Amino acid sequence: MSNHKVVVLGGQGAIGSLLERLFTRCGHIVYSVDKRTQGVRSHHYQIDILNPVADAGAVFSGAKAVVFALPEAVAIQALSWVLSAIGDDVQIVSTCSVQAPFYSALRAAAPGQPFIGVNPMFSPSLPEQKRPVAVILDNCHVSEHWIERVLMQADMRISRMMSEEHDRVMALCQALPHAAILIFGLVLAKSPLDIRTLATIAPPPMRTMLALLSRILRNPMEVYWDVQYENPMAAEPRQELLHAIQQLDSIVQAGDQTEFGDNLRDIAQQLGEQLDISAADCQHIFSTLE
């Protein structure tokens, strides 16, 4: 694999640091750009990308790719400055958790600019080996991309998709479970019961929900806000979640055990082969809590 210069915007962040490590491991030269600095390090530049000084664009000279490891709104705002400083053959890499808005902005400004999206589907604090990563392309039938080789060398599991497909998948894979966990937290916060008592007697399902809620609360709020707010496709699963809560309440209030069982069978049928796989996952999780 040829050595390339890669500029990572937001290089001090969690995703930026992860990708810097992966590119460097493959022999590429990474220039990290961030408004923050952590000591004096080679190829690390302190630049406010929303208010860059006149000569700041020089950091892109000779770059093969520019990675936007930034929140969606910031990435879109920075796009015009970056495009004004690079050639039309420089690869644009988006790490946005919602891809369609950035992709649309890029295509409106530079229809022919090379594009690839990379969304790691795990916390960057975890080892990347065997972890899933969504790769967003204009055409999912093209041959292997050089950035995909970087990800595969890190032993990550790649799933290709288009930008709108990605956001639709994220609405179910991210926005829906996060919303369900947050609703659980909102109910818990209003409970008059002592949380220490609840935690002491909590069975594995409750402990698992507490663990999921606590992980969200320990991480930056902006991550979960972006998942809900920036993805317009997230509104539908949230509404479906509210409807499902009302449906469940209606069934229980009516004492309709038959419909309750029918719903469980419908869900099991929808899961298909995944039912046994996920049941095994649950058993593994619970075994560490018991």
C-alpha atoms as a PDB file:
ATOM      1  CA  MET A   1       0.000   0.000   0.000  1.00  0.00           C
ATOM      2  CA  SER A   2       1.410   3.404  -1.031  1.00  0.00           C
ATOM      3  CA  ASN A   3       2.097   5.919   1.714  1.00  0.00           C
ATOM      4  CA  HIS A   4      -0.357   8.835   1.586  1.00  0.00           C
ATOM      5  CA  LYS A   5      -0.697  12.096   3.470  1.00  0.00           C
ATOM      6  CA  VAL A   6      -3.988  12.126   5.369  1.00  0.00           C
ATOM      7  CA  VAL A   7      -5.306  15.215   7.164  1.00  0.00           C
ATOM      8  CA  VAL A   8      -7.663  14.490  10.061  1.00  0.00           C
ATOM      9  CA  LEU A   9      -9.874  17.397  11.133  1.00  0.00           C
ATOM     10  CA  GLY A  10     -10.838  16.894  14.764  1.00  0.00           C
ATOM     11  CA  GLY A  11      -7.768  14.764  15.283  1.00  0.00           C
ATOM     12  CA  GLN A  12      -7.825  15.157  19.073  1.00  0.00           C
ATOM     13  CA  GLY A  13     -11.308  13.669  19.338  1.00  0.00           C
ATOM     14  CA  ALA A  14     -12.114  10.012  19.951  1.00  0.00           C
ATOM     15  CA  ILE A  15     -12.897   9.107  16.323  1.00  0.00           C
ATOM     16  CA  GLY A  16     -10.094  11.278  14.957  1.00  0.00           C
ATOM     17  CA  SER A  17      -7.566   9.631  17.273  1.00  0.00           C
ATOM     18  CA  LEU A  18      -8.801   6.172  16.275  1.00  0.00           C
ATOM     19  CA  LEU A  19      -8.442   6.868  12.553  1.00  0.00           C
ATOM     20  CA  GLU A  20      -5.068   8.542  13.043  1.00  0.00           C
ATOM     21  CA  ARG A  21      -3.861   5.345  14.711  1.00  0.00           C
ATOM     22  CA  LEU A  22      -5.253   3.121  11.929  1.00  0.00           C
ATOM     23  CA  PHE A  23      -3.789   5.203   9.080  1.00  0.00           C
ATOM     24  CA  THR A  24      -0.399   5.491  10.807  1.00  0.00           C
ATOM     25  CA  ARG A  25      -0.301   1.744  11.390  1.00  0.00           C
ATOM     26  CA  CYS A  26      -0.658   1.253   7.626  1.00  0.00           C
ATOM     27  CA  GLY A  27       2.272   3.559   6.914  1.00  0.00           C
ATOM     28  CA  HIS A  28       0.355   6.693   5.966  1.00  0.00           C
ATOM     29  CA  ILE A  29       1.461  10.110   7.228  1.00  0.00           C
ATOM     30  CA  VAL A  30      -1.273  11.717   9.308  1.00  0.00           C
ATOM     31  CA  TYR A  31      -1.599  15.451   9.947  1.00  0.00           C
ATOM     32  CA  SER A  32      -3.899  16.054  12.910  1.00  0.00           C
ATOM     33  CA  VAL A  33      -5.830  19.345  12.977  1.00  0.00           C
ATOM     34  CA  ASP A  34      -7.784  20.496  16.020  1.00  0.00           C
ATOM     35  CA  LYS A  35      -8.542  23.709  17.894  1.00  0.00           C
ATOM     36  CA  ARG A  36      -7.154  21.966  20.974  1.00  0.00           C
ATOM     37  CA  THR A  37      -3.573  20.846  21.525  1.00  0.00           C
ATOM     38  CA  GLN A  38      -2.028  18.249  23.809  1.00  0.00           C
ATOM     39  CA  GLY A  39       1.644  19.115  23.957  1.00  0.00           C
ATOM     40  CA  VAL A  40       3.984  19.657  21.011  1.00  0.00           C
ATOM     41  CA  ARG A  41       3.780  16.718  18.623  1.00  0.00           C
ATOM     42  CA  SER A  42       4.914  16.257  15.044  1.00  0.00           C
ATOM     43  CA  HIS A  43       2.232  16.851  12.410  1.00  0.00           C
ATOM     44  CA  HIS A  44      -0.255  18.191  14.973  1.00  0.00           C
ATOM     45  CA  TYR A  45      -1.687  21.606  14.139  1.00  0.00           C
ATOM     46  CA  GLN A  46      -3.849  23.934  16.202  1.00  0.00           C
ATOM     47  CA  ILE A  47      -6.389  25.463  13.814  1.00  0.00           C
ATOM     48  CA  ASP A  48      -9.914  26.727  14.396  1.00  0.00           C
ATOM     49  CA  ILE A  49     -11.456  25.287  11.240  1.00  0.00           C
ATOM     50  CA  LEU A  50     -14.508  27.550  11.497  1.00  0.00           C
ATOM     51  CA  ASN A  51     -12.260  30.633  11.722  1.00  0.00           C
ATOM     52  CA  PRO A  52      -9.013  29.605   9.995  1.00  0.00           C
ATOM     53  CA  VAL A  53      -6.179  32.073   9.568  1.00  0.00           C
ATOM     54  CA  ALA A  54      -5.215  33.059   6.039  1.00  0.00           C
ATOM     55  CA  ASP A  55      -2.468  30.471   5.503  1.00  0.00           C
ATOM     56  CA  ALA A  56      -4.138  27.595   7.397  1.00  0.00           C
ATOM     57  CA  GLY A  57      -5.085  25.851   4.160  1.00  0.00           C
ATOM     58  CA  ALA A  58      -1.417  25.015   3.585  1.00  0.00           C
ATOM     59  CA  VAL A  59      -1.881  22.004   5.871  1.00  0.00           C
ATOM     60  CA  PHE A  60      -3.721  20.276   2.998  1.00  0.00           C
ATOM     61  CA  SER A  61      -0.821  20.567   0.553  1.00  0.00           C
ATOM     62  CA  GLY A  62      -0.090  17.159  -0.955  1.00  0.00           C
ATOM     63  CA  ALA A  63      -2.920  15.450   0.927  1.00  0.00           C
ATOM     64  CA  LYS A  64      -4.473  12.302  -0.505  1.00  0.00           C
ATOM     65  CA  ALA A  65      -7.454  12.480   1.860  1.00  0.00           C
ATOM     66  CA  VAL A  66      -9.129  14.812   4.344  1.00  0.00           C
ATOM     67  CA  VAL A  67     -11.032  13.186   7.205  1.00  0.00           C
ATOM     68  CA  PHE A  68     -13.894  15.117   8.815  1.00  0.00           C
ATOM     69  CA  ALA A  69     -13.885  13.623  12.327  1.00  0.00           C
ATOM     70  CA  LEU A  70     -16.286  16.332  13.451  1.00  0.00           C
ATOM     71  CA  PRO A  71     -19.904  16.795  14.565  1.00  0.00           C
ATOM     72  CA  GLU A  72     -22.262  16.953  11.573  1.00  0.00           C
ATOM     73  CA  ALA A  73     -23.007  20.681  11.796  1.00  0.00           C
ATOM     74  CA  VAL A  74     -19.332  21.625  12.160  1.00  0.00           C
ATOM     75  CA  ALA A  75     -18.283  19.306   9.330  1.00  0.00           C
ATOM     76  CA  ILE A  76     -20.769  20.923   6.950  1.00  0.00           C
ATOM     77  CA  GLN A  77     -19.673  24.433   7.977  1.00  0.00           C
ATOM     78  CA  ALA A  78     -16.009  23.551   7.416  1.00  0.00           C
ATOM     79  CA  LEU A  79     -16.626  21.986   4.012  1.00  0.00           C
ATOM     80  CA  SER A  80     -16.401  25.172   1.930  1.00  0.00           C
ATOM     81  CA  TRP A  81     -13.033  26.132   3.457  1.00  0.00           C
ATOM     82  CA  VAL A  82     -11.581  22.683   2.864  1.00  0.00           C
ATOM     83  CA  LEU A  83     -12.828  22.483  -0.726  1.00  0.00           C
ATOM     84  CA  SER A  84     -11.303  25.906  -1.458  1.00  0.00           C
ATOM     85  CA  ALA A  85      -7.892  24.626  -0.323  1.00  0.00           C
ATOM     86  CA  ILE A  86      -7.716  21.186  -1.999  1.00  0.00           C
ATOM     87  CA  GLY A  87      -7.746  19.734  -5.482  1.00  0.00           C
ATOM     88  CA  ASP A  88     -10.764  18.005  -6.975  1.00  0.00           C
ATOM     89  CA  ASP A  89      -9.067  14.609  -6.675  1.00  0.00           C
ATOM     90  CA  VAL A  90      -8.576  14.699  -2.881  1.00  0.00           C
ATOM     91  CA  GLN A  91     -10.593  12.063  -1.028  1.00  0.00           C
ATOM     92  CA  ILE A  92     -13.199  13.425   1.384  1.00  0.00           C
ATOM     93  CA  VAL A  93     -13.863  11.132   4.352  1.00  0.00           C
ATOM     94  CA  SER A  94     -16.873  11.712   6.590  1.00  0.00           C
ATOM     95  CA  THR A  95     -17.188  10.073  10.011  1.00  0.00           C
ATOM     96  CA  CYS A  96     -20.594  11.631  10.749  1.00  0.00           C
ATOM     97  CA  SER A  97     -23.087   9.460  12.601  1.00  0.00           C
ATOM     98  CA  VAL A  98     -25.640  10.923  10.159  1.00  0.00           C
ATOM     99  CA  GLN A  99     -24.211  10.857   6.644  1.00  0.00           C
ATOM    100  CA  ALA A 100     -26.869  12.177   4.233  1.00  0.00           C
ATOM    101  CA  PRO A 101     -26.702  15.915   5.184  1.00  0.00           C
ATOM    102  CA  PHE A 102     -22.913  16.095   4.801  1.00  0.00           C
ATOM    103  CA  TYR A 103     -23.015  14.021   1.613  1.00  0.00           C
ATOM    104  CA  SER A 104     -25.703  16.272   0.112  1.00  0.00           C
ATOM    105  CA  ALA A 105     -23.725  19.403   1.013  1.00  0.00           C
ATOM    106  CA  LEU A 106     -20.588  17.940  -0.567  1.00  0.00           C
ATOM    107  CA  ARG A 107     -22.369  16.947  -3.752  1.00  0.00           C
ATOM    108  CA  ALA A 108     -23.986  20.396  -4.035  1.00  0.00           C
ATOM    109  CA  ALA A 109     -20.608  22.118  -3.691  1.00  0.00           C
ATOM    110  CA  ALA A 110     -18.356  19.628  -5.505  1.00  0.00           C
ATOM    111  CA  PRO A 111     -20.299  16.980  -7.481  1.00  0.00           C
ATOM    112  CA  GLY A 112     -17.189  15.091  -8.587  1.00  0.00           C
ATOM    113  CA  GLN A 113     -15.185  15.113  -5.355  1.00  0.00           C
ATOM    114  CA  PRO A 114     -14.231  11.572  -4.223  1.00  0.00           C
ATOM    115  CA  PHE A 115     -16.237  10.595  -1.142  1.00  0.00           C
ATOM    116  CA  ILE A 116     -16.292   7.809   1.409  1.00  0.00           C
ATOM    117  CA  GLY A 117     -18.020   7.675   4.780  1.00  0.00           C
ATOM    118  CA  VAL A 118     -16.594   5.726   7.731  1.00  0.00           C
ATOM    119  CA  ASN A 119     -18.739   5.221  10.835  1.00  0.00           C
ATOM    120  CA  PRO A 120     -17.270   2.887  13.474  1.00  0.00           C
ATOM    121  CA  MET A 121     -20.177   1.160  15.215  1.00  0.00           C
ATOM    122  CA  PHE A 122     -18.459   0.962  18.593  1.00  0.00           C
ATOM    123  CA  SER A 123     -16.867   3.212  21.172  1.00  0.00           C
ATOM    124  CA  PRO A 124     -13.335   4.225  20.094  1.00  0.00           C
ATOM    125  CA  SER A 125     -12.223   3.357  23.630  1.00  0.00           C
ATOM    126  CA  LEU A 126     -12.720  -0.331  22.758  1.00  0.00           C
ATOM    127  CA  PRO A 127     -10.322  -2.497  20.706  1.00  0.00           C
ATOM    128  CA  GLU A 128     -11.227  -2.228  17.030  1.00  0.00           C
ATOM    129  CA  GLN A 129     -10.550  -5.872  16.143  1.00  0.00           C
ATOM    130  CA  LYS A 130     -13.671  -7.729  14.928  1.00  0.00           C
ATOM    131  CA  ARG A 131     -15.770  -4.571  15.427  1.00  0.00           C
ATOM    132  CA  PRO A 132     -18.318  -3.471  12.796  1.00  0.00           C
ATOM    133  CA  VAL A 133     -17.814  -0.338  10.734  1.00  0.00           C
ATOM    134  CA  ALA A 134     -20.244   1.172   8.233  1.00  0.00           C
ATOM    135  CA  VAL A 135     -18.646   2.332   4.978  1.00  0.00           C
ATOM    136  CA  ILE A 136     -20.673   4.760   2.878  1.00  0.00           C
ATOM    137  CA  LEU A 137     -20.001   4.972  -0.854  1.00  0.00           C
ATOM    138  CA  ASP A 138     -21.572   6.553  -3.937  1.00  0.00           C
ATOM    139  CA  ASN A 139     -21.608   3.112  -5.522  1.00  0.00           C
ATOM    140  CA  CYS A 140     -21.489   0.026  -3.311  1.00  0.00           C
ATOM    141  CA  HIS A 141     -20.493  -2.153  -6.284  1.00  0.00           C
ATOM    142  CA  VAL A 142     -17.101  -0.517  -6.892  1.00  0.00           C
ATOM    143  CA  SER A 143     -13.903  -2.430  -6.230  1.00  0.00           C
ATOM    144  CA  GLU A 144     -12.165  -2.346  -2.877  1.00  0.00           C
ATOM    145  CA  HIS A 145     -11.372   1.196  -1.709  1.00  0.00           C
ATOM    146  CA  TRP A 146      -7.900   1.962  -0.324  1.00  0.00           C
ATOM    147  CA  ILE A 147      -9.428   3.221   2.922  1.00  0.00           C
ATOM    148  CA  GLU A 148     -11.331  -0.049   3.244  1.00  0.00           C
ATOM    149  CA  ARG A 149      -7.951  -1.798   3.160  1.00  0.00           C
ATOM    150  CA  VAL A 150      -6.892   0.315   6.152  1.00  0.00           C
ATOM    151  CA  LEU A 151      -9.995  -0.831   8.034  1.00  0.00           C
ATOM    152  CA  MET A 152      -9.562  -4.463   7.029  1.00  0.00           C
ATOM    153  CA  GLN A 153      -5.919  -4.430   8.096  1.00  0.00           C
ATOM    154  CA  ALA A 154      -7.252  -3.433  11.530  1.00  0.00           C
ATOM    155  CA  ASP A 155      -9.447  -6.573  11.364  1.00  0.00           C
ATOM    156  CA  MET A 156     -12.690  -4.590  11.348  1.00  0.00           C
ATOM    157  CA  ARG A 157     -15.924  -5.930   9.821  1.00  0.00           C
ATOM    158  CA  ILE A 158     -17.070  -3.707   6.941  1.00  0.00           C
ATOM    159  CA  SER A 159     -20.674  -3.189   5.852  1.00  0.00           C
ATOM    160  CA  ARG A 160     -21.129  -1.079   2.721  1.00  0.00           C
ATOM    161  CA  MET A 161     -24.152   1.156   2.196  1.00  0.00           C
ATOM    162  CA  MET A 162     -25.358   4.379   0.561  1.00  0.00           C
ATOM    163  CA  SER A 163     -25.741   7.574   2.596  1.00  0.00           C
ATOM    164  CA  GLU A 164     -29.549   7.515   2.953  1.00  0.00           C
ATOM    165  CA  GLU A 165     -29.516   3.783   3.661  1.00  0.00           C
ATOM    166  CA  HIS A 166     -26.918   4.415   6.355  1.00  0.00           C
ATOM    167  CA  ASP A 167     -29.091   7.014   8.086  1.00  0.00           C
ATOM    168  CA  ARG A 168     -32.139   4.732   7.913  1.00  0.00           C
ATOM    169  CA  VAL A 169     -30.131   1.906   9.494  1.00  0.00           C
ATOM    170  CA  MET A 170     -28.744   4.252  12.177  1.00  0.00           C
ATOM    171  CA  ALA A 171     -32.280   5.355  13.058  1.00  0.00           C
ATOM    172  CA  LEU A 172     -32.990   1.761  14.107  1.00  0.00           C
ATOM    173  CA  CYS A 173     -29.536   0.691  15.323  1.00  0.00           C
ATOM    174  CA  GLN A 174     -28.720   3.843  17.302  1.00  0.00           C
ATOM    175  CA  ALA A 175     -31.629   6.264  17.727  1.00  0.00           C
ATOM    176  CA  LEU A 176     -34.218   3.628  18.684  1.00  0.00           C
ATOM    177  CA  PRO A 177     -32.230   1.784  21.410  1.00  0.00           C
ATOM    178  CA  HIS A 178     -30.856   5.051  22.791  1.00  0.00           C
ATOM    179  CA  ALA A 179     -34.390   6.485  22.966  1.00  0.00           C
ATOM    180  CA  ALA A 180     -35.652   3.378  24.763  1.00  0.00           C
ATOM    181  CA  ILE A 181     -32.791   3.575  27.274  1.00  0.00           C
ATOM    182  CA  LEU A 182     -33.353   7.305  27.842  1.00  0.00           C
ATOM    183  CA  ILE A 183     -37.085   6.739  28.422  1.00  0.00           C
ATOM    184  CA  PHE A 184     -36.150   4.111  31.003  1.00  0.00           C
ATOM    185  CA  GLY A 185     -33.884   6.698  32.638  1.00  0.00           C
ATOM    186  CA  LEU A 186     -36.555   9.405  32.632  1.00  0.00           C
ATOM    187  CA  VAL A 187     -39.023   7.052  34.344  1.00  0.00           C
ATOM    188  CA  LEU A 188     -36.397   5.984  36.853  1.00  0.00           C
ATOM    189  CA  ALA A 189     -35.490   9.600  37.656  1.00  0.00           C
ATOM    190  CA  LYS A 190     -39.095  10.304  38.648  1.00  0.00           C
ATOM    191  CA  SER A 191     -39.414   7.248  40.864  1.00  0.00           C
ATOM    192  CA  PRO A 192     -39.665   7.937  44.620  1.00  0.00           C
ATOM    193  CA  LEU A 193     -37.928   4.625  45.359  1.00  0.00           C
ATOM    194  CA  ASP A 194     -34.359   4.643  46.572  1.00  0.00           C
ATOM    195  CA  ILE A 195     -31.999   3.730  43.726  1.00  0.00           C
ATOM    196  CA  ARG A 196     -29.656   1.928  46.136  1.00  0.00           C
ATOM    197  CA  THR A 197     -32.479  -0.395  47.142  1.00  0.00           C
ATOM    198  CA  LEU A 198     -33.397  -1.001  43.516  1.00  0.00           C
ATOM    199  CA  ALA A 199     -29.781  -1.728  42.579  1.00  0.00           C
ATOM    200  CA  THR A 200     -29.364  -4.123  45.500  1.00  0.00           C
ATOM    201  CA  ILE A 201     -32.248  -6.379  44.449  1.00  0.00           C
ATOM    202  CA  ALA A 202     -32.135  -5.734  40.686  1.00  0.00           C
ATOM    203  CA  PRO A 203     -32.194  -8.894  38.527  1.00  0.00           C
ATOM    204  CA  PRO A 204     -29.959  -9.086  35.422  1.00  0.00           C
ATOM    205  CA  PRO A 205     -32.412  -7.318  33.040  1.00  0.00           C
ATOM    206  CA  MET A 206     -32.619  -4.301  35.363  1.00  0.00           C
ATOM    207  CA  ARG A 207     -28.856  -4.289  35.922  1.00  0.00           C
ATOM    208  CA  THR A 208     -28.308  -4.426  32.164  1.00  0.00           C
ATOM    209  CA  MET A 209     -30.601  -1.450  31.619  1.00  0.00           C
ATOM    210  CA  LEU A 210     -28.842   0.463  34.396  1.00  0.00           C
ATOM    211  CA  ALA A 211     -25.504  -0.336  32.765  1.00  0.00           C
ATOM    212  CA  LEU A 212     -26.701   0.913  29.372  1.00  0.00           C
ATOM    213  CA  LEU A 213     -28.152   4.073  30.907  1.00  0.00           C
ATOM    214  CA  SER A 214     -24.990   4.736  32.905  1.00  0.00           C
ATOM    215  CA  ARG A 215     -22.806   4.354  29.809  1.00  0.00           C
ATOM    216  CA  ILE A 216     -24.844   7.026  28.029  1.00  0.00           C
ATOM    217  CA  LEU A 217     -24.635   9.337  31.047  1.00  0.00           C
ATOM    218  CA  ARG A 218     -20.868   8.883  31.292  1.00  0.00           C
ATOM    219  CA  ASN A 219     -20.251   9.786  27.652  1.00  0.00           C
ATOM    220  CA  PRO A 220     -20.484  13.269  26.069  1.00  0.00           C
ATOM    221  CA  MET A 221     -24.092  14.416  25.785  1.00  0.00           C
ATOM    222  CA  GLU A 222     -23.451  15.766  22.273  1.00  0.00           C
ATOM    223  CA  VAL A 223     -22.947  12.244  20.903  1.00  0.00           C
ATOM    224  CA  TYR A 224     -26.479  11.174  21.831  1.00  0.00           C
ATOM    225  CA  TRP A 225     -28.025  14.511  20.910  1.00  0.00           C
ATOM    226  CA  ASP A 226     -26.589  14.212  17.397  1.00  0.00           C
ATOM    227  CA  VAL A 227     -27.978  10.681  17.048  1.00  0.00           C
ATOM    228  CA  GLN A 228     -31.486  11.927  17.849  1.00  0.00           C
ATOM    229  CA  TYR A 229     -31.469  15.469  16.455  1.00  0.00           C
ATOM    230  CA  GLU A 230     -29.274  15.368  13.364  1.00  0.00           C
ATOM    231  CA  ASN A 231     -30.902  12.297  11.809  1.00  0.00           C
ATOM    232  CA  PRO A 232     -34.355  13.218  10.438  1.00  0.00           C
ATOM    233  CA  MET A 233     -35.099   9.509   9.998  1.00  0.00           C
ATOM    234  CA  ALA A 234     -34.873   9.025  13.785  1.00  0.00           C
ATOM    235  CA  ALA A 235     -38.279  10.666  14.299  1.00  0.00           C
ATOM    236  CA  GLU A 236     -40.165   7.666  12.904  1.00  0.00           C
ATOM    237  CA  PRO A 237     -38.751   4.999  15.271  1.00  0.00           C
ATOM    238  CA  ARG A 238     -39.270   7.365  18.229  1.00  0.00           C
ATOM    239  CA  GLN A 239     -42.924   7.716  17.261  1.00  0.00           C
ATOM    240  CA  GLU A 240     -43.184   3.957  16.795  1.00  0.00           C
ATOM    241  CA  LEU A 241     -41.670   3.499  20.258  1.00  0.00           C
ATOM    242  CA  LEU A 242     -44.325   5.763  21.783  1.00  0.00           C
ATOM    243  CA  HIS A 243     -47.040   3.894  19.884  1.00  0.00           C
ATOM    244  CA  ALA A 244     -45.674   0.531  21.052  1.00  0.00           C
ATOM    245  CA  ILE A 245     -45.710   1.689  24.700  1.00  0.00           C
ATOM    246  CA  GLN A 246     -49.335   2.762  24.324  1.00  0.00           C
ATOM    247  CA  GLN A 247     -50.181  -0.530  22.602  1.00  0.00           C
ATOM    248  CA  LEU A 248     -48.582  -2.574  25.384  1.00  0.00           C
ATOM    249  CA  ASP A 249     -50.360  -0.535  28.043  1.00  0.00           C
ATOM    250  CA  SER A 250     -53.684  -0.982  26.262  1.00  0.00           C
ATOM    251  CA  ILE A 251     -53.242  -4.762  26.010  1.00  0.00           C
ATOM    252  CA  VAL A 252     -52.320  -5.099  29.692  1.00  0.00           C
ATOM    253  CA  GLN A 253     -55.091  -2.771  30.858  1.00  0.00           C
ATOM    254  CA  ALA A 254     -57.592  -4.881  28.889  1.00  0.00           C
ATOM    255  CA  GLY A 255     -56.204  -8.105  30.385  1.00  0.00           C
ATOM    256  CA  ASP A 256     -55.782  -9.519  26.876  1.00  0.00           C
ATOM    257  CA  GLN A 257     -53.224 -12.287  27.392  1.00  0.00           C
ATOM    258  CA  THR A 258     -53.966 -13.753  23.965  1.00  0.00           C
ATOM    259  CA  GLU A 259     -52.989 -10.581  22.132  1.00  0.00           C
ATOM    260  CA  PHE A 260     -49.942 -10.254  24.380  1.00  0.00           C
ATOM    261  CA  GLY A 261     -48.805 -13.741  23.324  1.00  0.00           C
ATOM    262  CA  ASP A 262     -49.610 -13.041  19.675  1.00  0.00           C
ATOM    263  CA  ASN A 263     -47.390  -9.970  19.757  1.00  0.00           C
ATOM    264  CA  LEU A 264     -44.507 -11.923  21.250  1.00  0.00           C
ATOM    265  CA  ARG A 265     -44.854 -14.565  18.529  1.00  0.00           C
ATOM    266  CA  ASP A 266     -44.894 -11.877  15.834  1.00  0.00           C
ATOM    267  CA  ILE A 267     -41.691 -10.390  17.243  1.00  0.00           C
ATOM    268  CA  ALA A 268     -40.017 -13.816  17.413  1.00  0.00           C
ATOM    269  CA  GLN A 269     -41.009 -14.525  13.818  1.00  0.00           C
ATOM    270  CA  GLN A 270     -39.547 -11.188  12.698  1.00  0.00           C
ATOM    271  CA  LEU A 271     -36.244 -11.964  14.430  1.00  0.00           C
ATOM    272  CA  GLY A 272     -35.976 -15.342  12.730  1.00  0.00           C
ATOM    273  CA  GLU A 273     -32.511 -16.902  13.086  1.00  0.00           C
ATOM    274  CA  GLN A 274     -31.331 -13.832  15.007  1.00  0.00           C
ATOM    275  CA  LEU A 275     -33.491 -14.943  17.948  1.00  0.00           C
ATOM    276  CA  ASP A 276     -31.139 -17.765  18.943  1.00  0.00           C
ATOM    277  CA  ILE A 277     -28.032 -15.642  18.327  1.00  0.00           C
ATOM    278  CA  SER A 278     -29.288 -12.783  20.489  1.00  0.00           C
ATOM    279  CA  ALA A 279     -30.568 -15.147  23.174  1.00  0.00           C
ATOM    280  CA  ALA A 280     -27.036 -16.526  23.449  1.00  0.00           C
ATOM    281  CA  ASP A 281     -25.682 -12.960  23.663  1.00  0.00           C
ATOM    282  CA  CYS A 282     -28.100 -12.232  26.489  1.00  0.00           C
ATOM    283  CA  GLN A 283     -27.092 -15.376  28.365  1.00  0.00           C
ATOM    284  CA  HIS A 284     -23.452 -14.315  28.059  1.00  0.00           C
ATOM    285  CA  ILE A 285     -24.228 -10.825  29.376  1.00  0.00           C
ATOM    286  CA  PHE A 286     -26.340 -12.117  32.251  1.00  0.00           C
ATOM    287  CA  SER A 287     -23.708 -14.672  33.238  1.00  0.00           C
ATOM    288  CA  THR A 288     -21.317 -11.814  34.012  1.00  0.00           C
ATOM    289  CA  LEU A 289     -23.924 -10.095  36.217  1.00  0.00           C
ATOM    290  CA  GLU A 290     -25.091 -13.047  38.299  1.00  0.00           C
END
